[in-house]
Amino acid sequence: MTGAPAPGRVALVLHSHMPYVEGQGTWPFGEEWLWEAIATSYLPLLELLDAGAPLTLSITPVLADQLEAPGALERCAAFLREVRPASHRLDIEAFEAVGDGAAAAEIARAAGQYAAALERLEALGGDLLGRLAPHAAWTSSATHAILPLLATDAGVRLQVEAGVASHRARFGDGWRGGFWLPECAHEPWLDVLLEEAGVHAACVELTGAFGAGDPRHLTPLRSPAGPLLVPIDRALIDVVWGAGGYPAGPAYRDDHRRTARDHRPWANDGSVYDPQRALARARADADDFAARCAARIAGGGLCTLAFDTELFGHHWHEGPAFLEAFVAACADRGVPLVGLDDALAEAAAEPWPDGLDAPTSWGQPPTLWTWSGPQVARFARDQRAAELRVVARGADVDVRTARALLAVQASDWAFLETRRLAGPYAVERLERHLGELEAALDGAPAPPSAPANLAPRLRLAALLEP
């Protein structure tokens, strides 16, 4: 089915991020998160991007740090070669022992997907980051800090400028100023600091201000300080990502019901997972989503859809198939799917509205509560106190101390604690990094737990500015 191109445009941004887990433990939390994301999200996405899919890829510096860390991809390959085959085999035996041949067969099929991921990784010579480099359009702050919660301009500069410098060093001079605000957390006072660092565009969540589905989400906004602030279209994003979105459909693999060895042989409706049924549903949902996008931009405007890359594959098993089918459905329906940088180069922007000065994010609620509410008040307090101590050192700060501060500032620890997603791991990680910072400030030897490969290109100029 083909149709005349719609007058508007659609940009789909994939925000690729993983907290620093390389070398920070394994099961049930730690670097296996990264290995799983590589196998189920990043490798399938690379194939889609190499095929020419016009998607906008953001890679956080802290994810890039881990993908290029010495030995990291070798450990990932070992995980795929040794750990996953053994865990699948044990589950197959367990299901066969109770006479559940259908579940055993599904576990065996899923094992083949990990074997295929290993083949893809080995075909890249272990250089996944190098292969993603031509597609890496946007960057982010150094360790995914919630910028509006930082205590000082110097702290913001350190995070932003380190992120920009990291991106340019890794991916060349083709960066066009796109910057992913971690968690879409924004407050207008940040804009002048972003512009100083060369940031010309960022995505913001304004559903709380405009309301879901409001046409104002289709128009980029120009900050008085310079950057373009691009509203994401929450009404359409939630068709995929919201409660009851596509991944909740009965045919899709149940991401929550797991075996003792972390495999998922069941569908959402409780039946044994049927990959062909799920693939047919993914294609139908992708076409439905393309139709919704066509309707959304029928009157013009820029519909910006933003998702965590890890949703597609790591959390939603059929996500990569959905993305591939969505790209094809947009072409079939005449929906202009474009890179966000290209769209912004031609889009007309409106001035940032007067009175829109409250902090926003894509958290729930869309404030800073997820990272600073009562449940994580100590996280926010300790992070700000650490920043003030480091900034107060001025010219006496060394790279080790600044790197330890970056580890403390990561947004992930508060997020995991608020959502209760990782048991005590989030608290343990924050306390560990606070201890590493204390040792750095005191000139004591670095603990063995210190992230060895975090921010390897870090420079201190940002901390020394007034």
Protein backbone atom coordinates (compact mmCIF):
# COMPACT_ATOMS: atom_id res chain seq x y z
CA MET A 1 0.00 0.00 0.00
CA THR A 2 1.42 3.38 -0.98
CA GLY A 3 0.16 6.87 -0.44
CA ALA A 4 1.07 10.50 -1.02
CA PRO A 5 3.62 11.79 1.46
CA ALA A 6 2.11 13.52 4.46
CA PRO A 7 3.02 17.20 4.90
CA GLY A 8 4.59 16.62 8.30
CA ARG A 9 7.54 14.53 9.41
CA VAL A 10 8.28 11.82 11.95
CA ALA A 11 11.61 11.45 13.76
CA LEU A 12 12.30 8.40 15.90
CA VAL A 13 15.08 8.87 18.46
CA LEU A 14 16.69 5.86 20.13
CA HIS A 15 18.41 6.75 23.39
CA SER A 16 21.07 4.11 24.05
CA HIS A 17 22.21 3.99 27.65
CA MET A 18 23.45 1.55 30.22
CA PRO A 19 24.64 2.49 33.72
CA TYR A 20 28.28 1.70 34.38
CA VAL A 21 28.04 -2.02 35.09
CA GLU A 22 31.21 -3.20 33.34
CA GLY A 23 33.33 -4.90 35.99
CA GLN A 24 30.69 -4.14 38.64
CA GLY A 25 29.39 -7.60 39.50
CA THR A 26 27.44 -10.21 37.58
CA TRP A 27 24.32 -12.17 38.43
CA PRO A 28 21.70 -11.06 39.35
CA PHE A 29 22.85 -7.47 38.74
CA GLY A 30 25.92 -6.10 37.06
CA GLU A 31 27.57 -6.43 33.69
CA GLU A 32 25.24 -9.18 32.46
CA TRP A 33 22.77 -6.33 31.85
CA LEU A 34 25.21 -4.99 29.27
CA TRP A 35 25.82 -8.39 27.67
CA GLU A 36 22.08 -8.97 27.35
CA ALA A 37 21.54 -5.52 25.81
CA ILE A 38 24.32 -6.14 23.30
CA ALA A 39 22.86 -9.48 22.26
CA THR A 40 19.21 -8.52 22.13
CA SER A 41 19.16 -4.79 21.32
CA TYR A 42 22.41 -3.29 20.01
CA LEU A 43 23.36 -6.01 17.52
CA PRO A 44 19.88 -6.22 15.93
CA LEU A 45 19.71 -2.42 15.81
CA LEU A 46 23.08 -2.24 14.05
CA GLU A 47 21.73 -4.46 11.28
CA LEU A 48 18.71 -2.20 10.86
CA LEU A 49 20.82 0.96 10.79
CA ASP A 50 23.30 -0.54 8.34
CA ALA A 51 20.34 -1.31 6.09
CA GLY A 52 19.58 2.42 5.95
CA ALA A 53 16.81 2.87 8.50
CA PRO A 54 16.44 6.66 9.06
CA LEU A 55 16.50 6.49 12.85
CA THR A 56 18.32 8.92 15.16
CA LEU A 57 20.76 7.13 17.43
CA SER A 58 21.92 8.62 20.72
CA ILE A 59 24.75 6.88 22.58
CA THR A 60 25.62 8.00 26.08
CA PRO A 61 29.30 8.43 26.84
CA VAL A 62 29.07 5.99 29.74
CA LEU A 63 27.72 3.29 27.41
CA ALA A 64 30.50 4.00 24.93
CA ASP A 65 33.04 3.79 27.77
CA GLN A 66 31.88 0.25 28.45
CA LEU A 67 31.67 -0.87 24.83
CA GLU A 68 35.31 0.10 24.25
CA ALA A 69 36.63 -1.02 27.66
CA PRO A 70 39.55 -3.45 27.33
CA GLY A 71 38.31 -7.00 27.58
CA ALA A 72 34.63 -6.07 27.83
CA LEU A 73 33.47 -7.48 24.50
CA GLU A 74 35.59 -10.59 25.05
CA ARG A 75 33.69 -11.18 28.31
CA CYS A 76 30.44 -10.60 26.48
CA ALA A 77 31.41 -13.21 23.90
CA ALA A 78 32.31 -15.64 26.67
CA PHE A 79 28.92 -15.03 28.27
CA LEU A 80 27.19 -15.83 24.98
CA ARG A 81 29.44 -18.79 24.26
CA GLU A 82 29.47 -20.42 27.69
CA VAL A 83 26.96 -19.08 30.22
CA ARG A 84 23.86 -18.81 28.07
CA PRO A 85 24.16 -22.26 26.39
CA ALA A 86 24.63 -23.84 29.82
CA SER A 87 21.66 -22.02 31.35
CA HIS A 88 19.42 -22.90 28.41
CA ARG A 89 20.47 -26.55 28.63
CA LEU A 90 19.60 -26.71 32.33
CA ASP A 91 16.15 -25.23 31.70
CA ILE A 92 15.53 -27.59 28.79
CA GLU A 93 16.33 -30.53 31.07
CA ALA A 94 14.07 -29.14 33.78
CA PHE A 95 11.09 -28.78 31.45
CA GLU A 96 11.67 -32.19 29.88
CA ALA A 97 11.78 -33.73 33.36
CA VAL A 98 8.21 -32.55 34.03
CA GLY A 99 6.96 -33.45 30.55
CA ASP A 100 6.67 -29.89 29.21
CA GLY A 101 8.10 -30.49 25.76
CA ALA A 102 6.64 -27.29 24.29
CA ALA A 103 8.42 -25.08 26.81
CA ALA A 104 11.63 -27.07 26.36
CA ALA A 105 11.41 -26.57 22.59
CA GLU A 106 10.96 -22.82 23.01
CA ILE A 107 13.97 -22.64 25.32
CA ALA A 108 16.02 -24.46 22.68
CA ARG A 109 14.85 -22.03 19.99
CA ALA A 110 15.75 -19.05 22.15
CA ALA A 111 19.22 -20.49 22.71
CA GLY A 112 19.74 -20.26 18.97
CA GLN A 113 19.20 -16.51 19.11
CA TYR A 114 22.10 -16.13 21.53
CA ALA A 115 24.26 -18.28 19.28
CA ALA A 116 23.37 -16.02 16.35
CA ALA A 117 24.25 -12.95 18.43
CA LEU A 118 27.66 -14.47 19.19
CA GLU A 119 28.25 -15.01 15.47
CA ARG A 120 27.35 -11.37 14.75
CA LEU A 121 29.62 -10.10 17.50
CA GLU A 122 32.55 -12.21 16.35
CA ALA A 123 31.98 -11.06 12.76
CA LEU A 124 32.51 -7.49 13.99
CA GLY A 125 35.86 -8.44 15.46
CA GLY A 126 34.47 -7.34 18.82
CA ASP A 127 34.30 -3.71 17.65
CA LEU A 128 30.61 -3.02 18.18
CA LEU A 129 31.19 0.63 19.05
CA GLY A 130 33.22 1.18 15.91
CA ARG A 131 30.43 -0.25 13.80
CA LEU A 132 27.83 1.90 15.55
CA ALA A 133 29.99 5.02 15.10
CA PRO A 134 28.64 6.08 11.67
CA HIS A 135 25.13 6.10 13.12
CA ALA A 136 25.88 7.85 16.45
CA ALA A 137 24.24 11.23 15.92
CA TRP A 138 23.50 12.46 19.47
CA THR A 139 25.45 12.40 22.71
CA SER A 140 24.54 12.99 26.34
CA SER A 141 26.10 13.94 29.66
CA ALA A 142 29.12 11.97 30.83
CA THR A 143 27.35 9.62 33.25
CA HIS A 144 23.67 10.40 32.65
CA ALA A 145 23.33 12.84 35.53
CA ILE A 146 20.01 14.63 36.14
CA LEU A 147 21.27 18.07 35.17
CA PRO A 148 18.61 20.20 36.93
CA LEU A 149 19.53 18.50 40.21
CA LEU A 150 23.20 19.41 40.03
CA ALA A 151 24.31 22.04 42.52
CA THR A 152 26.63 24.22 40.46
CA ASP A 153 27.28 25.52 36.97
CA ALA A 154 30.71 23.91 37.17
CA GLY A 155 29.12 20.53 37.87
CA VAL A 156 26.83 20.90 34.86
CA ARG A 157 29.75 21.97 32.67
CA LEU A 158 31.76 18.94 33.74
CA GLN A 159 28.95 16.53 32.82
CA VAL A 160 27.99 18.25 29.55
CA GLU A 161 31.40 19.20 28.24
CA ALA A 162 32.86 15.80 29.11
CA GLY A 163 30.00 14.17 27.21
CA VAL A 164 30.45 16.37 24.15
CA ALA A 165 34.22 15.94 24.13
CA SER A 166 33.85 12.18 24.46
CA HIS A 167 31.48 12.04 21.51
CA ARG A 168 33.72 14.15 19.28
CA ALA A 169 36.81 12.14 20.18
CA ARG A 170 35.12 8.85 19.40
CA PHE A 171 32.91 9.70 16.47
CA GLY A 172 34.60 12.61 14.72
CA ASP A 173 33.61 16.16 13.89
CA GLY A 174 30.25 15.39 12.30
CA TRP A 175 28.28 16.08 15.47
CA ARG A 176 25.52 18.60 14.76
CA GLY A 177 24.76 19.59 18.34
CA GLY A 178 22.15 16.99 19.32
CA PHE A 179 22.22 16.24 23.04
CA TRP A 180 20.04 13.82 24.95
CA LEU A 181 19.06 15.37 28.28
CA PRO A 182 19.17 12.43 30.70
CA GLU A 183 15.61 11.39 31.52
CA CYS A 184 14.54 14.43 29.42
CA ALA A 185 15.12 16.40 32.63
CA HIS A 186 15.15 20.10 31.79
CA GLU A 187 14.95 23.46 33.44
CA PRO A 188 15.45 26.71 31.50
CA TRP A 189 18.51 27.82 33.49
CA LEU A 190 20.45 24.98 31.88
CA ASP A 191 20.08 26.33 28.36
CA VAL A 192 22.89 28.86 28.47
CA LEU A 193 25.29 26.17 29.71
CA LEU A 194 24.15 23.80 26.97
CA GLU A 195 24.69 26.44 24.30
CA GLU A 196 28.15 27.22 25.67
CA ALA A 197 29.07 23.56 25.20
CA GLY A 198 27.90 23.53 21.58
CA VAL A 199 24.54 21.90 22.21
CA HIS A 200 22.02 23.09 19.62
CA ALA A 201 19.12 20.68 20.16
CA ALA A 202 17.63 18.55 22.94
CA CYS A 203 14.39 16.67 23.53
CA VAL A 204 12.03 17.77 26.31
CA GLU A 205 8.90 16.30 27.88
CA LEU A 206 6.15 18.93 28.02
CA THR A 207 3.07 16.74 28.43
CA GLY A 208 2.49 18.14 31.89
CA ALA A 209 2.43 21.65 30.48
CA PHE A 210 0.60 21.13 27.17
CA GLY A 211 -1.40 17.94 27.76
CA ALA A 212 -1.07 14.70 25.82
CA GLY A 213 -1.88 14.99 22.13
CA ASP A 214 -1.74 18.80 22.02
CA PRO A 215 -0.57 20.03 18.58
CA ARG A 216 2.06 22.18 20.27
CA HIS A 217 4.10 19.02 20.74
CA LEU A 218 4.71 19.06 16.97
CA THR A 219 6.67 22.34 16.95
CA PRO A 220 10.27 22.78 18.11
CA LEU A 221 10.81 25.61 20.59
CA ARG A 222 13.70 28.04 20.58
CA SER A 223 15.19 28.75 23.98
CA PRO A 224 16.16 32.39 24.59
CA ALA A 225 19.65 31.02 25.25
CA GLY A 226 19.86 29.40 21.83
CA PRO A 227 19.19 25.65 21.79
CA LEU A 228 16.21 24.13 20.04
CA LEU A 229 14.06 22.24 22.54
CA VAL A 230 12.06 19.53 20.82
CA PRO A 231 8.89 18.28 22.53
CA ILE A 232 8.47 14.52 22.40
CA ASP A 233 5.02 13.26 21.44
CA ARG A 234 3.94 11.40 24.55
CA ALA A 235 0.49 10.48 23.20
CA LEU A 236 2.03 8.40 20.42
CA ILE A 237 4.99 7.16 22.44
CA ASP A 238 2.59 5.64 24.97
CA VAL A 239 0.91 3.61 22.23
CA VAL A 240 4.14 1.61 22.29
CA TRP A 241 5.59 2.25 25.73
CA GLY A 242 2.68 3.07 28.01
CA ALA A 243 0.67 0.77 30.21
CA GLY A 244 -1.30 -1.44 27.87
CA GLY A 245 0.92 -0.53 24.91
CA TYR A 246 1.78 -2.93 22.12
CA PRO A 247 4.27 -5.04 24.16
CA ALA A 248 1.42 -6.00 26.51
CA GLY A 249 -0.39 -7.82 23.68
CA PRO A 250 -1.22 -11.48 24.35
CA ALA A 251 1.02 -12.90 21.61
CA TYR A 252 4.21 -11.21 22.76
CA ARG A 253 6.76 -12.82 25.03
CA ASP A 254 6.13 -12.21 28.72
CA ASP A 255 9.09 -10.22 30.01
CA HIS A 256 8.13 -10.67 33.66
CA ARG A 257 7.48 -14.40 34.02
CA ARG A 258 10.88 -16.05 34.06
CA THR A 259 12.47 -19.39 34.79
CA ALA A 260 14.99 -19.83 37.57
CA ARG A 261 17.71 -19.19 34.99
CA ASP A 262 16.16 -16.01 33.62
CA HIS A 263 14.57 -17.42 30.46
CA ARG A 264 11.07 -16.51 29.28
CA PRO A 265 9.35 -19.29 27.36
CA TRP A 266 5.82 -17.96 27.81
CA ALA A 267 3.62 -15.42 26.06
CA ASN A 268 1.67 -12.70 27.85
CA ASP A 269 -1.51 -14.80 27.62
CA GLY A 270 0.14 -17.66 29.54
CA SER A 271 0.64 -19.98 26.60
CA VAL A 272 4.03 -21.23 25.49
CA TYR A 273 5.58 -18.56 23.31
CA ASP A 274 4.94 -18.89 19.56
CA PRO A 275 7.49 -16.80 17.62
CA GLN A 276 5.51 -16.82 14.38
CA ARG A 277 2.35 -15.61 16.08
CA ALA A 278 4.35 -12.86 17.80
CA LEU A 279 6.08 -11.81 14.58
CA ALA A 280 2.76 -11.48 12.79
CA ARG A 281 1.48 -9.33 15.66
CA ALA A 282 4.61 -7.14 15.58
CA ARG A 283 4.13 -6.47 11.87
CA ALA A 284 0.46 -5.65 12.35
CA ASP A 285 1.23 -3.33 15.25
CA ALA A 286 3.99 -1.62 13.26
CA ASP A 287 1.57 -0.90 10.45
CA ASP A 288 -0.99 0.39 12.93
CA PHE A 289 1.66 2.67 14.46
CA ALA A 290 2.67 4.01 11.04
CA ALA A 291 -1.00 4.77 10.34
CA ARG A 292 -1.29 6.63 13.63
CA CYS A 293 1.83 8.62 12.78
CA ALA A 294 0.39 9.52 9.37
CA ALA A 295 -2.78 10.79 11.03
CA ARG A 296 -0.79 12.73 13.61
CA ILE A 297 1.20 14.72 11.03
CA ALA A 298 -1.56 15.06 8.44
CA GLY A 299 -1.77 18.76 9.22
CA GLY A 300 2.00 19.25 9.31
CA GLY A 301 4.55 19.48 12.08
CA LEU A 302 7.33 17.33 13.46
CA CYS A 303 6.32 14.29 15.50
CA THR A 304 9.29 13.29 17.63
CA LEU A 305 9.14 9.80 19.09
CA ALA A 306 11.76 8.96 21.70
CA PHE A 307 12.45 5.56 23.25
CA ASP A 308 15.18 3.83 25.19
CA THR A 309 16.98 1.64 22.68
CA GLU A 310 16.95 -1.19 25.20
CA LEU A 311 13.15 -1.37 25.00
CA PHE A 312 13.58 -2.95 21.58
CA GLY A 313 14.87 -6.44 22.25
CA HIS A 314 16.17 -6.31 25.80
CA HIS A 315 12.78 -5.57 27.35
CA TRP A 316 10.42 -6.19 24.41
CA HIS A 317 11.60 -9.33 22.69
CA GLU A 318 9.88 -8.50 19.41
CA GLY A 319 10.99 -4.86 19.46
CA PRO A 320 13.63 -5.16 16.72
CA ALA A 321 11.11 -6.84 14.41
CA PHE A 322 8.62 -4.09 15.23
CA LEU A 323 11.17 -1.38 14.37
CA GLU A 324 12.07 -3.02 11.07
CA ALA A 325 8.42 -3.39 10.14
CA PHE A 326 7.65 0.19 11.22
CA VAL A 327 10.33 1.60 8.91
CA ALA A 328 8.87 -0.42 6.04
CA ALA A 329 5.29 0.58 6.92
CA CYS A 330 6.20 4.26 6.93
CA ALA A 331 7.64 3.90 3.45
CA ASP A 332 4.54 2.05 2.27
CA ARG A 333 2.20 4.65 3.71
CA GLY A 334 4.17 7.66 2.55
CA VAL A 335 5.05 8.74 6.09
CA PRO A 336 8.28 10.82 5.96
CA LEU A 337 10.49 9.15 8.57
CA VAL A 338 13.62 11.30 8.90
CA GLY A 339 16.64 11.85 11.07
CA LEU A 340 15.95 14.44 13.75
CA ASP A 341 18.97 16.58 12.84
CA ASP A 342 17.77 16.81 9.23
CA ALA A 343 14.24 17.63 10.33
CA LEU A 344 15.42 20.39 12.66
CA ALA A 345 17.57 21.95 9.95
CA GLU A 346 14.36 22.75 8.06
CA ALA A 347 11.76 23.07 10.83
CA ALA A 348 10.28 26.39 11.87
CA ALA A 349 10.61 26.98 15.61
CA GLU A 350 8.43 28.92 18.00
CA PRO A 351 9.82 30.92 20.95
CA TRP A 352 9.96 29.15 24.30
CA PRO A 353 6.65 30.04 26.03
CA ASP A 354 6.69 32.60 28.81
CA GLY A 355 6.05 31.13 32.24
CA LEU A 356 7.23 27.63 31.29
CA ASP A 357 9.98 27.53 33.89
CA ALA A 358 9.26 24.49 36.10
CA PRO A 359 11.57 21.46 35.89
CA THR A 360 10.25 18.66 33.68
CA SER A 361 11.25 15.11 32.85
CA TRP A 362 9.81 11.95 31.35
CA GLY A 363 9.61 10.41 34.80
CA GLN A 364 6.33 9.51 36.45
CA PRO A 365 5.20 12.08 37.53
CA PRO A 366 6.90 14.28 34.88
CA THR A 367 8.88 16.25 37.46
CA LEU A 368 12.17 15.43 39.18
CA TRP A 369 10.43 13.32 41.84
CA THR A 370 11.79 9.99 40.57
CA TRP A 371 15.33 11.18 41.36
CA SER A 372 14.72 13.49 44.35
CA GLY A 373 11.49 12.43 46.06
CA PRO A 374 11.40 11.25 49.68
CA GLN A 375 12.20 7.68 48.68
CA VAL A 376 15.60 8.81 47.29
CA ALA A 377 16.14 12.08 49.16
CA ARG A 378 19.44 10.80 50.51
CA PHE A 379 20.63 10.08 46.96
CA ALA A 380 19.99 13.67 45.85
CA ARG A 381 21.47 15.07 49.06
CA ASP A 382 24.62 12.98 48.91
CA GLN A 383 25.16 13.67 45.21
CA ARG A 384 24.87 17.44 45.67
CA ALA A 385 27.07 17.43 48.77
CA ALA A 386 29.72 15.46 46.88
CA GLU A 387 29.62 17.92 44.00
CA LEU A 388 30.01 20.92 46.30
CA ARG A 389 33.02 19.34 47.98
CA VAL A 390 34.73 18.68 44.66
CA VAL A 391 33.96 22.07 43.15
CA ALA A 392 35.23 23.77 46.31
CA ARG A 393 38.66 22.26 45.66
CA GLY A 394 38.96 24.39 42.51
CA ALA A 395 42.34 24.03 40.82
CA ASP A 396 43.36 21.34 43.32
CA VAL A 397 40.95 18.79 41.86
CA ASP A 398 42.60 15.95 39.98
CA VAL A 399 41.14 13.73 37.26
CA ARG A 400 40.67 10.79 39.62
CA THR A 401 38.50 12.89 41.94
CA ALA A 402 36.44 14.31 39.08
CA ARG A 403 35.91 10.82 37.66
CA ALA A 404 34.72 9.59 41.05
CA LEU A 405 32.24 12.46 41.19
CA LEU A 406 30.87 11.51 37.76
CA ALA A 407 30.24 7.98 39.05
CA VAL A 408 28.34 9.35 42.06
CA GLN A 409 26.18 11.62 39.88
CA ALA A 410 24.69 8.93 37.64
CA SER A 411 20.88 9.08 37.52
CA ASP A 412 20.55 5.30 37.46
CA TRP A 413 20.98 4.62 41.16
CA ALA A 414 18.03 6.78 42.21
CA PHE A 415 15.90 5.46 39.35
CA LEU A 416 16.53 1.83 40.27
CA GLU A 417 15.78 2.55 43.92
CA THR A 418 12.54 4.43 43.17
CA ARG A 419 11.30 1.64 40.91
CA ARG A 420 12.56 -1.11 43.23
CA LEU A 421 14.17 -2.82 40.27
CA ALA A 422 17.45 -4.07 41.70
CA GLY A 423 17.08 -4.88 45.37
CA PRO A 424 19.92 -3.34 47.40
CA TYR A 425 22.16 -2.94 44.34
CA ALA A 426 21.38 0.77 43.75
CA VAL A 427 22.15 1.76 47.36
CA GLU A 428 25.30 -0.36 47.32
CA ARG A 429 26.51 1.27 44.11
CA LEU A 430 25.94 4.81 45.38
CA GLU A 431 27.67 4.06 48.69
CA ARG A 432 30.55 2.40 46.87
CA HIS A 433 31.10 5.43 44.63
CA LEU A 434 30.83 7.82 47.56
CA GLY A 435 33.56 5.80 49.25
CA GLU A 436 35.71 5.98 46.12
CA LEU A 437 35.24 9.75 46.04
CA GLU A 438 36.17 10.04 49.71
CA ALA A 439 39.38 8.09 49.05
CA ALA A 440 40.21 10.34 46.11
CA LEU A 441 39.64 13.49 48.14
CA ASP A 442 41.86 12.13 50.91
CA GLY A 443 44.59 10.96 48.55
CA ALA A 444 44.12 7.37 49.68
CA PRO A 445 44.64 4.42 47.30
CA ALA A 446 41.73 3.73 44.97
CA PRO A 447 39.56 0.79 46.04
CA PRO A 448 39.50 -2.19 43.65
CA SER A 449 35.81 -1.44 43.00
CA ALA A 450 36.52 1.91 41.27
CA PRO A 451 35.27 1.86 37.65
CA ALA A 452 38.46 1.29 35.73
CA ASN A 453 37.28 2.51 32.34
CA LEU A 454 34.88 5.34 33.15
CA ALA A 455 35.39 8.63 31.25
CA PRO A 456 38.90 7.77 29.99
CA ARG A 457 39.19 11.08 28.11
CA LEU A 458 38.12 13.29 31.00
CA ARG A 459 39.58 16.81 31.20
CA LEU A 460 39.16 19.26 34.06
CA ALA A 461 38.70 22.60 32.29
CA ALA A 462 34.96 22.65 33.02
CA LEU A 463 35.51 22.49 36.78
CA LEU A 464 37.99 25.34 36.70
CA GLU A 465 35.69 27.83 34.99
CA PRO A 466 34.00 30.42 37.21
